[in-house]
Amino acid sequence: LDGAAAHYLLNVMRMKPGDPLLLFDDR
């Protein structure tokens, strides 16, 4: 992930290695 998604996770959610997240791909 980069761009806006990465900015949100890194700078707003302060995520670091080992932290969980849920993903969906519409597939």
mmCIF file of all heavy atoms, coordinates in Angstrom:
data_MODEL
# 
_entry.id   MODEL 
# 
loop_
_atom_site.group_PDB 
_atom_site.id 
_atom_site.type_symbol 
_atom_site.label_atom_id 
_atom_site.label_alt_id 
_atom_site.label_comp_id 
_atom_site.label_asym_id 
_atom_site.label_entity_id 
_atom_site.label_seq_id 
_atom_site.pdbx_PDB_ins_code 
_atom_site.Cartn_x 
_atom_site.Cartn_y 
_atom_site.Cartn_z 
_atom_site.occupancy 
_atom_site.B_iso_or_equiv 
_atom_site.pdbx_formal_charge 
_atom_site.auth_seq_id 
_atom_site.auth_comp_id 
_atom_site.auth_asym_id 
_atom_site.auth_atom_id 
_atom_site.pdbx_PDB_model_num 
ATOM 1   N N   . LEU A 1 1  ? 0.839   -1.194  0.000  1.00 0.00 ? 1  LEU A N   1 
ATOM 2   C CA  . LEU A 1 1  ? 0.000   0.000   0.000  1.00 0.00 ? 1  LEU A CA  1 
ATOM 3   C C   . LEU A 1 1  ? 0.869   1.237   0.000  1.00 0.00 ? 1  LEU A C   1 
ATOM 4   O O   . LEU A 1 1  ? 1.863   1.325   0.735  1.00 0.00 ? 1  LEU A O   1 
ATOM 5   C CB  . LEU A 1 1  ? -0.908  0.005   1.230  1.00 0.00 ? 1  LEU A CB  1 
ATOM 6   C CG  . LEU A 1 1  ? -1.867  -1.167  1.407  1.00 0.00 ? 1  LEU A CG  1 
ATOM 7   C CD1 . LEU A 1 1  ? -2.709  -0.973  2.657  1.00 0.00 ? 1  LEU A CD1 1 
ATOM 8   C CD2 . LEU A 1 1  ? -2.761  -1.337  0.186  1.00 0.00 ? 1  LEU A CD2 1 
ATOM 9   N N   . ASP A 1 2  ? 0.485   2.203   -0.826 1.00 0.00 ? 2  ASP A N   1 
ATOM 10  C CA  . ASP A 1 2  ? 1.163   3.499   -0.813 1.00 0.00 ? 2  ASP A CA  1 
ATOM 11  C C   . ASP A 1 2  ? 0.115   4.585   -0.977 1.00 0.00 ? 2  ASP A C   1 
ATOM 12  O O   . ASP A 1 2  ? -1.079  4.329   -0.868 1.00 0.00 ? 2  ASP A O   1 
ATOM 13  C CB  . ASP A 1 2  ? 2.245   3.574   -1.906 1.00 0.00 ? 2  ASP A CB  1 
ATOM 14  C CG  . ASP A 1 2  ? 1.692   3.252   -3.295 1.00 0.00 ? 2  ASP A CG  1 
ATOM 15  O OD1 . ASP A 1 2  ? 0.451   3.273   -3.461 1.00 0.00 ? 2  ASP A OD1 1 
ATOM 16  O OD2 . ASP A 1 2  ? 2.480   2.974   -4.209 1.00 0.00 ? 2  ASP A OD2 1 
ATOM 17  N N   . GLY A 1 3  ? 0.541   5.799   -1.217 1.00 0.00 ? 3  GLY A N   1 
ATOM 18  C CA  . GLY A 1 3  ? -0.392  6.890   -1.435 1.00 0.00 ? 3  GLY A CA  1 
ATOM 19  C C   . GLY A 1 3  ? -1.241  7.192   -0.213 1.00 0.00 ? 3  GLY A C   1 
ATOM 20  O O   . GLY A 1 3  ? -0.781  7.110   0.926  1.00 0.00 ? 3  GLY A O   1 
ATOM 21  N N   . ALA A 1 4  ? -2.531  7.510   -0.467 1.00 0.00 ? 4  ALA A N   1 
ATOM 22  C CA  . ALA A 1 4  ? -3.428  7.938   0.605  1.00 0.00 ? 4  ALA A CA  1 
ATOM 23  C C   . ALA A 1 4  ? -3.654  6.834   1.630  1.00 0.00 ? 4  ALA A C   1 
ATOM 24  O O   . ALA A 1 4  ? -3.729  7.101   2.836  1.00 0.00 ? 4  ALA A O   1 
ATOM 25  C CB  . ALA A 1 4  ? -4.761  8.389   0.008  1.00 0.00 ? 4  ALA A CB  1 
ATOM 26  N N   . ALA A 1 5  ? -3.759  5.578   1.164  1.00 0.00 ? 5  ALA A N   1 
ATOM 27  C CA  . ALA A 1 5  ? -3.982  4.474   2.098  1.00 0.00 ? 5  ALA A CA  1 
ATOM 28  C C   . ALA A 1 5  ? -2.813  4.317   3.051  1.00 0.00 ? 5  ALA A C   1 
ATOM 29  O O   . ALA A 1 5  ? -2.989  4.141   4.264  1.00 0.00 ? 5  ALA A O   1 
ATOM 30  C CB  . ALA A 1 5  ? -4.215  3.180   1.324  1.00 0.00 ? 5  ALA A CB  1 
ATOM 31  N N   . ALA A 1 6  ? -1.600  4.383   2.516  1.00 0.00 ? 6  ALA A N   1 
ATOM 32  C CA  . ALA A 1 6  ? -0.413  4.265   3.371  1.00 0.00 ? 6  ALA A CA  1 
ATOM 33  C C   . ALA A 1 6  ? -0.318  5.440   4.332  1.00 0.00 ? 6  ALA A C   1 
ATOM 34  O O   . ALA A 1 6  ? 0.032   5.268   5.511  1.00 0.00 ? 6  ALA A O   1 
ATOM 35  C CB  . ALA A 1 6  ? 0.838   4.179   2.510  1.00 0.00 ? 6  ALA A CB  1 
ATOM 36  N N   . HIS A 1 7  ? -0.625  6.628   3.854  1.00 0.00 ? 7  HIS A N   1 
ATOM 37  C CA  . HIS A 1 7  ? -0.581  7.811   4.723  1.00 0.00 ? 7  HIS A CA  1 
ATOM 38  C C   . HIS A 1 7  ? -1.550  7.647   5.897  1.00 0.00 ? 7  HIS A C   1 
ATOM 39  O O   . HIS A 1 7  ? -1.200  7.943   7.044  1.00 0.00 ? 7  HIS A O   1 
ATOM 40  C CB  . HIS A 1 7  ? -0.940  9.058   3.926  1.00 0.00 ? 7  HIS A CB  1 
ATOM 41  C CG  . HIS A 1 7  ? -1.096  10.284  4.777  1.00 0.00 ? 7  HIS A CG  1 
ATOM 42  N ND1 . HIS A 1 7  ? -0.026  11.014  5.257  1.00 0.00 ? 7  HIS A ND1 1 
ATOM 43  C CD2 . HIS A 1 7  ? -2.220  10.897  5.273  1.00 0.00 ? 7  HIS A CD2 1 
ATOM 44  C CE1 . HIS A 1 7  ? -0.469  12.015  5.995  1.00 0.00 ? 7  HIS A CE1 1 
ATOM 45  N NE2 . HIS A 1 7  ? -1.795  11.969  6.017  1.00 0.00 ? 7  HIS A NE2 1 
ATOM 46  N N   . TYR A 1 8  ? -2.743  7.152   5.607  1.00 0.00 ? 8  TYR A N   1 
ATOM 47  C CA  . TYR A 1 8  ? -3.748  6.957   6.657  1.00 0.00 ? 8  TYR A CA  1 
ATOM 48  C C   . TYR A 1 8  ? -3.264  5.952   7.694  1.00 0.00 ? 8  TYR A C   1 
ATOM 49  O O   . TYR A 1 8  ? -3.346  6.200   8.909  1.00 0.00 ? 8  TYR A O   1 
ATOM 50  C CB  . TYR A 1 8  ? -5.059  6.501   6.023  1.00 0.00 ? 8  TYR A CB  1 
ATOM 51  C CG  . TYR A 1 8  ? -6.080  6.004   7.016  1.00 0.00 ? 8  TYR A CG  1 
ATOM 52  C CD1 . TYR A 1 8  ? -6.762  6.882   7.846  1.00 0.00 ? 8  TYR A CD1 1 
ATOM 53  C CD2 . TYR A 1 8  ? -6.359  4.641   7.125  1.00 0.00 ? 8  TYR A CD2 1 
ATOM 54  C CE1 . TYR A 1 8  ? -7.699  6.429   8.764  1.00 0.00 ? 8  TYR A CE1 1 
ATOM 55  C CE2 . TYR A 1 8  ? -7.297  4.181   8.032  1.00 0.00 ? 8  TYR A CE2 1 
ATOM 56  C CZ  . TYR A 1 8  ? -7.961  5.073   8.850  1.00 0.00 ? 8  TYR A CZ  1 
ATOM 57  O OH  . TYR A 1 8  ? -8.886  4.612   9.752  1.00 0.00 ? 8  TYR A OH  1 
ATOM 58  N N   . LEU A 1 9  ? -2.753  4.827   7.226  1.00 0.00 ? 9  LEU A N   1 
ATOM 59  C CA  . LEU A 1 9  ? -2.332  3.777   8.159  1.00 0.00 ? 9  LEU A CA  1 
ATOM 60  C C   . LEU A 1 9  ? -1.088  4.173   8.949  1.00 0.00 ? 9  LEU A C   1 
ATOM 61  O O   . LEU A 1 9  ? -0.978  3.874   10.149 1.00 0.00 ? 9  LEU A O   1 
ATOM 62  C CB  . LEU A 1 9  ? -2.077  2.476   7.398  1.00 0.00 ? 9  LEU A CB  1 
ATOM 63  C CG  . LEU A 1 9  ? -3.308  1.836   6.747  1.00 0.00 ? 9  LEU A CG  1 
ATOM 64  C CD1 . LEU A 1 9  ? -2.898  0.624   5.925  1.00 0.00 ? 9  LEU A CD1 1 
ATOM 65  C CD2 . LEU A 1 9  ? -4.346  1.443   7.792  1.00 0.00 ? 9  LEU A CD2 1 
ATOM 66  N N   . LEU A 1 10 ? -0.157  4.845   8.289  1.00 0.00 ? 10 LEU A N   1 
ATOM 67  C CA  . LEU A 1 10 ? 1.107   5.184   8.955  1.00 0.00 ? 10 LEU A CA  1 
ATOM 68  C C   . LEU A 1 10 ? 0.984   6.397   9.865  1.00 0.00 ? 10 LEU A C   1 
ATOM 69  O O   . LEU A 1 10 ? 1.479   6.388   11.000 1.00 0.00 ? 10 LEU A O   1 
ATOM 70  C CB  . LEU A 1 10 ? 2.191   5.440   7.905  1.00 0.00 ? 10 LEU A CB  1 
ATOM 71  C CG  . LEU A 1 10 ? 2.694   4.214   7.131  1.00 0.00 ? 10 LEU A CG  1 
ATOM 72  C CD1 . LEU A 1 10 ? 3.513   4.656   5.932  1.00 0.00 ? 10 LEU A CD1 1 
ATOM 73  C CD2 . LEU A 1 10 ? 3.517   3.308   8.039  1.00 0.00 ? 10 LEU A CD2 1 
ATOM 74  N N   . ASN A 1 11 ? 0.312   7.429   9.374  1.00 0.00 ? 11 ASN A N   1 
ATOM 75  C CA  . ASN A 1 11 ? 0.327   8.704   10.092 1.00 0.00 ? 11 ASN A CA  1 
ATOM 76  C C   . ASN A 1 11 ? -0.922  8.965   10.934 1.00 0.00 ? 11 ASN A C   1 
ATOM 77  O O   . ASN A 1 11 ? -0.858  9.743   11.896 1.00 0.00 ? 11 ASN A O   1 
ATOM 78  C CB  . ASN A 1 11 ? 0.510   9.852   9.095  1.00 0.00 ? 11 ASN A CB  1 
ATOM 79  C CG  . ASN A 1 11 ? 1.809   9.732   8.317  1.00 0.00 ? 11 ASN A CG  1 
ATOM 80  O OD1 . ASN A 1 11 ? 2.870   9.556   8.901  1.00 0.00 ? 11 ASN A OD1 1 
ATOM 81  N ND2 . ASN A 1 11 ? 1.727   9.803   6.998  1.00 0.00 ? 11 ASN A ND2 1 
ATOM 82  N N   . VAL A 1 12 ? -2.045  8.330   10.578 1.00 0.00 ? 12 VAL A N   1 
ATOM 83  C CA  . VAL A 1 12 ? -3.263  8.510   11.362 1.00 0.00 ? 12 VAL A CA  1 
ATOM 84  C C   . VAL A 1 12 ? -3.431  7.351   12.344 1.00 0.00 ? 12 VAL A C   1 
ATOM 85  O O   . VAL A 1 12 ? -3.640  7.561   13.546 1.00 0.00 ? 12 VAL A O   1 
ATOM 86  C CB  . VAL A 1 12 ? -4.503  8.628   10.448 1.00 0.00 ? 12 VAL A CB  1 
ATOM 87  C CG1 . VAL A 1 12 ? -5.769  8.774   11.287 1.00 0.00 ? 12 VAL A CG1 1 
ATOM 88  C CG2 . VAL A 1 12 ? -4.350  9.817   9.503  1.00 0.00 ? 12 VAL A CG2 1 
ATOM 89  N N   . MET A 1 13 ? -3.324  6.121   11.840 1.00 0.00 ? 13 MET A N   1 
ATOM 90  C CA  . MET A 1 13 ? -3.505  4.940   12.689 1.00 0.00 ? 13 MET A CA  1 
ATOM 91  C C   . MET A 1 13 ? -2.210  4.522   13.389 1.00 0.00 ? 13 MET A C   1 
ATOM 92  O O   . MET A 1 13 ? -2.238  3.685   14.294 1.00 0.00 ? 13 MET A O   1 
ATOM 93  C CB  . MET A 1 13 ? -4.042  3.777   11.848 1.00 0.00 ? 13 MET A CB  1 
ATOM 94  C CG  . MET A 1 13 ? -5.383  4.047   11.195 1.00 0.00 ? 13 MET A CG  1 
ATOM 95  S SD  . MET A 1 13 ? -6.680  4.515   12.378 1.00 0.00 ? 13 MET A SD  1 
ATOM 96  C CE  . MET A 1 13 ? -6.800  3.032   13.375 1.00 0.00 ? 13 MET A CE  1 
ATOM 97  N N   . ARG A 1 14 ? -1.064  5.083   12.969 1.00 0.00 ? 14 ARG A N   1 
ATOM 98  C CA  . ARG A 1 14 ? 0.235   4.790   13.591 1.00 0.00 ? 14 ARG A CA  1 
ATOM 99  C C   . ARG A 1 14 ? 0.538   3.290   13.587 1.00 0.00 ? 14 ARG A C   1 
ATOM 100 O O   . ARG A 1 14 ? 0.997   2.727   14.573 1.00 0.00 ? 14 ARG A O   1 
ATOM 101 C CB  . ARG A 1 14 ? 0.273   5.318   15.041 1.00 0.00 ? 14 ARG A CB  1 
ATOM 102 C CG  . ARG A 1 14 ? -0.012  6.797   15.183 1.00 0.00 ? 14 ARG A CG  1 
ATOM 103 C CD  . ARG A 1 14 ? 1.100   7.613   14.603 1.00 0.00 ? 14 ARG A CD  1 
ATOM 104 N NE  . ARG A 1 14 ? 0.879   9.059   14.799 1.00 0.00 ? 14 ARG A NE  1 
ATOM 105 C CZ  . ARG A 1 14 ? 1.687   10.000  14.329 1.00 0.00 ? 14 ARG A CZ  1 
ATOM 106 N NH1 . ARG A 1 14 ? 2.762   9.668   13.637 1.00 0.00 ? 14 ARG A NH1 1 
ATOM 107 N NH2 . ARG A 1 14 ? 1.425   11.273  14.532 1.00 0.00 ? 14 ARG A NH2 1 
ATOM 108 N N   . MET A 1 15 ? 0.289   2.643   12.452 1.00 0.00 ? 15 MET A N   1 
ATOM 109 C CA  . MET A 1 15 ? 0.507   1.207   12.382 1.00 0.00 ? 15 MET A CA  1 
ATOM 110 C C   . MET A 1 15 ? 1.981   0.869   12.235 1.00 0.00 ? 15 MET A C   1 
ATOM 111 O O   . MET A 1 15 ? 2.757   1.629   11.644 1.00 0.00 ? 15 MET A O   1 
ATOM 112 C CB  . MET A 1 15 ? -0.300  0.613   11.224 1.00 0.00 ? 15 MET A CB  1 
ATOM 113 C CG  . MET A 1 15 ? -1.799  0.787   11.377 1.00 0.00 ? 15 MET A CG  1 
ATOM 114 S SD  . MET A 1 15 ? -2.765  -0.291  10.297 1.00 0.00 ? 15 MET A SD  1 
ATOM 115 C CE  . MET A 1 15 ? -2.527  -1.862  11.123 1.00 0.00 ? 15 MET A CE  1 
ATOM 116 N N   . LYS A 1 16 ? 2.354   -0.282  12.763 1.00 0.00 ? 16 LYS A N   1 
ATOM 117 C CA  . LYS A 1 16 ? 3.753   -0.749  12.747 1.00 0.00 ? 16 LYS A CA  1 
ATOM 118 C C   . LYS A 1 16 ? 3.763   -2.241  12.446 1.00 0.00 ? 16 LYS A C   1 
ATOM 119 O O   . LYS A 1 16 ? 2.708   -2.897  12.481 1.00 0.00 ? 16 LYS A O   1 
ATOM 120 C CB  . LYS A 1 16 ? 4.417   -0.448  14.079 1.00 0.00 ? 16 LYS A CB  1 
ATOM 121 C CG  . LYS A 1 16 ? 3.731   -1.062  15.282 1.00 0.00 ? 16 LYS A CG  1 
ATOM 122 C CD  . LYS A 1 16 ? 4.369   -0.582  16.570 1.00 0.00 ? 16 LYS A CD  1 
ATOM 123 C CE  . LYS A 1 16 ? 3.747   -1.256  17.793 1.00 0.00 ? 16 LYS A CE  1 
ATOM 124 N NZ  . LYS A 1 16 ? 2.307   -0.976  17.907 1.00 0.00 ? 16 LYS A NZ  1 
ATOM 125 N N   . PRO A 1 17 ? 4.922   -2.829  12.118 1.00 0.00 ? 17 PRO A N   1 
ATOM 126 C CA  . PRO A 1 17 ? 4.970   -4.262  11.815 1.00 0.00 ? 17 PRO A CA  1 
ATOM 127 C C   . PRO A 1 17 ? 4.322   -5.116  12.897 1.00 0.00 ? 17 PRO A C   1 
ATOM 128 O O   . PRO A 1 17 ? 4.521   -4.890  14.091 1.00 0.00 ? 17 PRO A O   1 
ATOM 129 C CB  . PRO A 1 17 ? 6.479   -4.531  11.711 1.00 0.00 ? 17 PRO A CB  1 
ATOM 130 C CG  . PRO A 1 17 ? 7.037   -3.232  11.208 1.00 0.00 ? 17 PRO A CG  1 
ATOM 131 C CD  . PRO A 1 17 ? 6.226   -2.167  11.904 1.00 0.00 ? 17 PRO A CD  1 
ATOM 132 N N   . GLY A 1 18 ? 3.515   -6.062  12.436 1.00 0.00 ? 18 GLY A N   1 
ATOM 133 C CA  . GLY A 1 18 ? 2.791   -6.952  13.337 1.00 0.00 ? 18 GLY A CA  1 
ATOM 134 C C   . GLY A 1 18 ? 1.363   -6.533  13.609 1.00 0.00 ? 18 GLY A C   1 
ATOM 135 O O   . GLY A 1 18 ? 0.554   -7.346  14.079 1.00 0.00 ? 18 GLY A O   1 
ATOM 136 N N   . ASP A 1 19 ? 1.015   -5.281  13.324 1.00 0.00 ? 19 ASP A N   1 
ATOM 137 C CA  . ASP A 1 19 ? -0.346  -4.808  13.567 1.00 0.00 ? 19 ASP A CA  1 
ATOM 138 C C   . ASP A 1 19 ? -1.316  -5.408  12.548 1.00 0.00 ? 19 ASP A C   1 
ATOM 139 O O   . ASP A 1 19 ? -0.977  -5.572  11.368 1.00 0.00 ? 19 ASP A O   1 
ATOM 140 C CB  . ASP A 1 19 ? -0.409  -3.280  13.482 1.00 0.00 ? 19 ASP A CB  1 
ATOM 141 C CG  . ASP A 1 19 ? 0.219   -2.606  14.694 1.00 0.00 ? 19 ASP A CG  1 
ATOM 142 O OD1 . ASP A 1 19 ? 0.492   -3.313  15.681 1.00 0.00 ? 19 ASP A OD1 1 
ATOM 143 O OD2 . ASP A 1 19 ? 0.443   -1.385  14.641 1.00 0.00 ? 19 ASP A OD2 1 
ATOM 144 N N   . PRO A 1 20 ? -2.553  -5.724  12.972 1.00 0.00 ? 20 PRO A N   1 
ATOM 145 C CA  . PRO A 1 20 ? -3.527  -6.341  12.063 1.00 0.00 ? 20 PRO A CA  1 
ATOM 146 C C   . PRO A 1 20 ? -4.359  -5.306  11.318 1.00 0.00 ? 20 PRO A C   1 
ATOM 147 O O   . PRO A 1 20 ? -4.543  -4.175  11.771 1.00 0.00 ? 20 PRO A O   1 
ATOM 148 C CB  . PRO A 1 20 ? -4.407  -7.145  13.012 1.00 0.00 ? 20 PRO A CB  1 
ATOM 149 C CG  . PRO A 1 20 ? -4.431  -6.313  14.265 1.00 0.00 ? 20 PRO A CG  1 
ATOM 150 C CD  . PRO A 1 20 ? -3.054  -5.681  14.369 1.00 0.00 ? 20 PRO A CD  1 
ATOM 151 N N   . LEU A 1 21 ? -4.879  -5.727  10.185 1.00 0.00 ? 21 LEU A N   1 
ATOM 152 C CA  . LEU A 1 21 ? -5.880  -4.952  9.461  1.00 0.00 ? 21 LEU A CA  1 
ATOM 153 C C   . LEU A 1 21 ? -6.691  -5.909  8.603  1.00 0.00 ? 21 LEU A C   1 
ATOM 154 O O   . LEU A 1 21 ? -6.258  -7.027  8.307  1.00 0.00 ? 21 LEU A O   1 
ATOM 155 C CB  . LEU A 1 21 ? -5.256  -3.843  8.622  1.00 0.00 ? 21 LEU A CB  1 
ATOM 156 C CG  . LEU A 1 21 ? -4.399  -4.210  7.415  1.00 0.00 ? 21 LEU A CG  1 
ATOM 157 C CD1 . LEU A 1 21 ? -4.271  -3.000  6.496  1.00 0.00 ? 21 LEU A CD1 1 
ATOM 158 C CD2 . LEU A 1 21 ? -2.996  -4.639  7.837  1.00 0.00 ? 21 LEU A CD2 1 
ATOM 159 N N   . LEU A 1 22 ? -7.893  -5.478  8.226  1.00 0.00 ? 22 LEU A N   1 
ATOM 160 C CA  . LEU A 1 22 ? -8.784  -6.273  7.398  1.00 0.00 ? 22 LEU A CA  1 
ATOM 161 C C   . LEU A 1 22 ? -8.808  -5.688  5.992  1.00 0.00 ? 22 LEU A C   1 
ATOM 162 O O   . LEU A 1 22 ? -8.877  -4.466  5.819  1.00 0.00 ? 22 LEU A O   1 
ATOM 163 C CB  . LEU A 1 22 ? -10.198 -6.288  7.985  1.00 0.00 ? 22 LEU A CB  1 
ATOM 164 C CG  . LEU A 1 22 ? -10.346 -7.007  9.331  1.00 0.00 ? 22 LEU A CG  1 
ATOM 165 C CD1 . LEU A 1 22 ? -11.711 -6.716  9.941  1.00 0.00 ? 22 LEU A CD1 1 
ATOM 166 C CD2 . LEU A 1 22 ? -10.146 -8.511  9.167  1.00 0.00 ? 22 LEU A CD2 1 
ATOM 167 N N   . LEU A 1 23 ? -8.758  -6.557  5.005  1.00 0.00 ? 23 LEU A N   1 
ATOM 168 C CA  . LEU A 1 23 ? -8.742  -6.145  3.612  1.00 0.00 ? 23 LEU A CA  1 
ATOM 169 C C   . LEU A 1 23 ? -9.874  -6.833  2.858  1.00 0.00 ? 23 LEU A C   1 
ATOM 170 O O   . LEU A 1 23 ? -10.231 -7.976  3.162  1.00 0.00 ? 23 LEU A O   1 
ATOM 171 C CB  . LEU A 1 23 ? -7.413  -6.518  2.951  1.00 0.00 ? 23 LEU A CB  1 
ATOM 172 C CG  . LEU A 1 23 ? -6.122  -6.049  3.627  1.00 0.00 ? 23 LEU A CG  1 
ATOM 173 C CD1 . LEU A 1 23 ? -4.925  -6.641  2.900  1.00 0.00 ? 23 LEU A CD1 1 
ATOM 174 C CD2 . LEU A 1 23 ? -6.039  -4.531  3.657  1.00 0.00 ? 23 LEU A CD2 1 
ATOM 175 N N   . PHE A 1 24 ? -10.431 -6.147  1.871  1.00 0.00 ? 24 PHE A N   1 
ATOM 176 C CA  . PHE A 1 24 ? -11.371 -6.796  0.960  1.00 0.00 ? 24 PHE A CA  1 
ATOM 177 C C   . PHE A 1 24 ? -11.103 -6.278  -0.445 1.00 0.00 ? 24 PHE A C   1 
ATOM 178 O O   . PHE A 1 24 ? -10.659 -5.139  -0.631 1.00 0.00 ? 24 PHE A O   1 
ATOM 179 C CB  . PHE A 1 24 ? -12.828 -6.578  1.385  1.00 0.00 ? 24 PHE A CB  1 
ATOM 180 C CG  . PHE A 1 24 ? -13.308 -5.148  1.322  1.00 0.00 ? 24 PHE A CG  1 
ATOM 181 C CD1 . PHE A 1 24 ? -14.129 -4.717  0.291  1.00 0.00 ? 24 PHE A CD1 1 
ATOM 182 C CD2 . PHE A 1 24 ? -12.961 -4.232  2.309  1.00 0.00 ? 24 PHE A CD2 1 
ATOM 183 C CE1 . PHE A 1 24 ? -14.590 -3.406  0.239  1.00 0.00 ? 24 PHE A CE1 1 
ATOM 184 C CE2 . PHE A 1 24 ? -13.415 -2.920  2.265  1.00 0.00 ? 24 PHE A CE2 1 
ATOM 185 C CZ  . PHE A 1 24 ? -14.233 -2.509  1.227  1.00 0.00 ? 24 PHE A CZ  1 
ATOM 186 N N   . ASP A 1 25 ? -11.344 -7.136  -1.428 1.00 0.00 ? 25 ASP A N   1 
ATOM 187 C CA  . ASP A 1 25 ? -10.937 -6.827  -2.798 1.00 0.00 ? 25 ASP A CA  1 
ATOM 188 C C   . ASP A 1 25 ? -12.077 -6.826  -3.807 1.00 0.00 ? 25 ASP A C   1 
ATOM 189 O O   . ASP A 1 25 ? -11.826 -6.723  -5.008 1.00 0.00 ? 25 ASP A O   1 
ATOM 190 C CB  . ASP A 1 25 ? -9.853  -7.808  -3.260 1.00 0.00 ? 25 ASP A CB  1 
ATOM 191 C CG  . ASP A 1 25 ? -10.328 -9.261  -3.207 1.00 0.00 ? 25 ASP A CG  1 
ATOM 192 O OD1 . ASP A 1 25 ? -11.493 -9.499  -2.838 1.00 0.00 ? 25 ASP A OD1 1 
ATOM 193 O OD2 . ASP A 1 25 ? -9.513  -10.155 -3.531 1.00 0.00 ? 25 ASP A OD2 1 
ATOM 194 N N   . ASP A 1 26 ? -13.337 -6.992  -3.360 1.00 0.00 ? 26 ASP A N   1 
ATOM 195 C CA  . ASP A 1 26 ? -14.508 -7.063  -4.237 1.00 0.00 ? 26 ASP A CA  1 
ATOM 196 C C   . ASP A 1 26 ? -14.450 -8.283  -5.152 1.00 0.00 ? 26 ASP A C   1 
ATOM 197 O O   . ASP A 1 26 ? -15.151 -8.343  -6.155 1.00 0.00 ? 26 ASP A O   1 
ATOM 198 C CB  . ASP A 1 26 ? -14.652 -5.787  -5.077 1.00 0.00 ? 26 ASP A CB  1 
ATOM 199 C CG  . ASP A 1 26 ? -16.028 -5.658  -5.711 1.00 0.00 ? 26 ASP A CG  1 
ATOM 200 O OD1 . ASP A 1 26 ? -17.002 -6.161  -5.120 1.00 0.00 ? 26 ASP A OD1 1 
ATOM 201 O OD2 . ASP A 1 26 ? -16.135 -5.084  -6.821 1.00 0.00 ? 26 ASP A OD2 1 
ATOM 202 N N   . ARG A 1 27 ? -13.581 -9.228  -4.820 1.00 0.00 ? 27 ARG A N   1 
ATOM 203 C CA  . ARG A 1 27 ? -13.455 -10.441 -5.624 1.00 0.00 ? 27 ARG A CA  1 
ATOM 204 C C   . ARG A 1 27 ? -13.627 -11.693 -4.770 1.00 0.00 ? 27 ARG A C   1 
ATOM 205 O O   . ARG A 1 27 ? -14.401 -12.584 -5.115 1.00 0.00 ? 27 ARG A O   1 
ATOM 206 C CB  . ARG A 1 27 ? -12.080 -10.498 -6.295 1.00 0.00 ? 27 ARG A CB  1 
ATOM 207 C CG  . ARG A 1 27 ? -11.749 -9.335  -7.235 1.00 0.00 ? 27 ARG A CG  1 
ATOM 208 C CD  . ARG A 1 27 ? -10.290 -9.430  -7.661 1.00 0.00 ? 27 ARG A CD  1 
ATOM 209 N NE  . ARG A 1 27 ? -9.890  -8.408  -8.612 1.00 0.00 ? 27 ARG A NE  1 
ATOM 210 C CZ  . ARG A 1 27 ? -9.401  -7.215  -8.282 1.00 0.00 ? 27 ARG A CZ  1 
ATOM 211 N NH1 . ARG A 1 27 ? -9.273  -6.895  -6.995 1.00 0.00 ? 27 ARG A NH1 1 
ATOM 212 N NH2 . ARG A 1 27 ? -9.038  -6.346  -9.209 1.00 0.00 ? 27 ARG A NH2 1 
# 
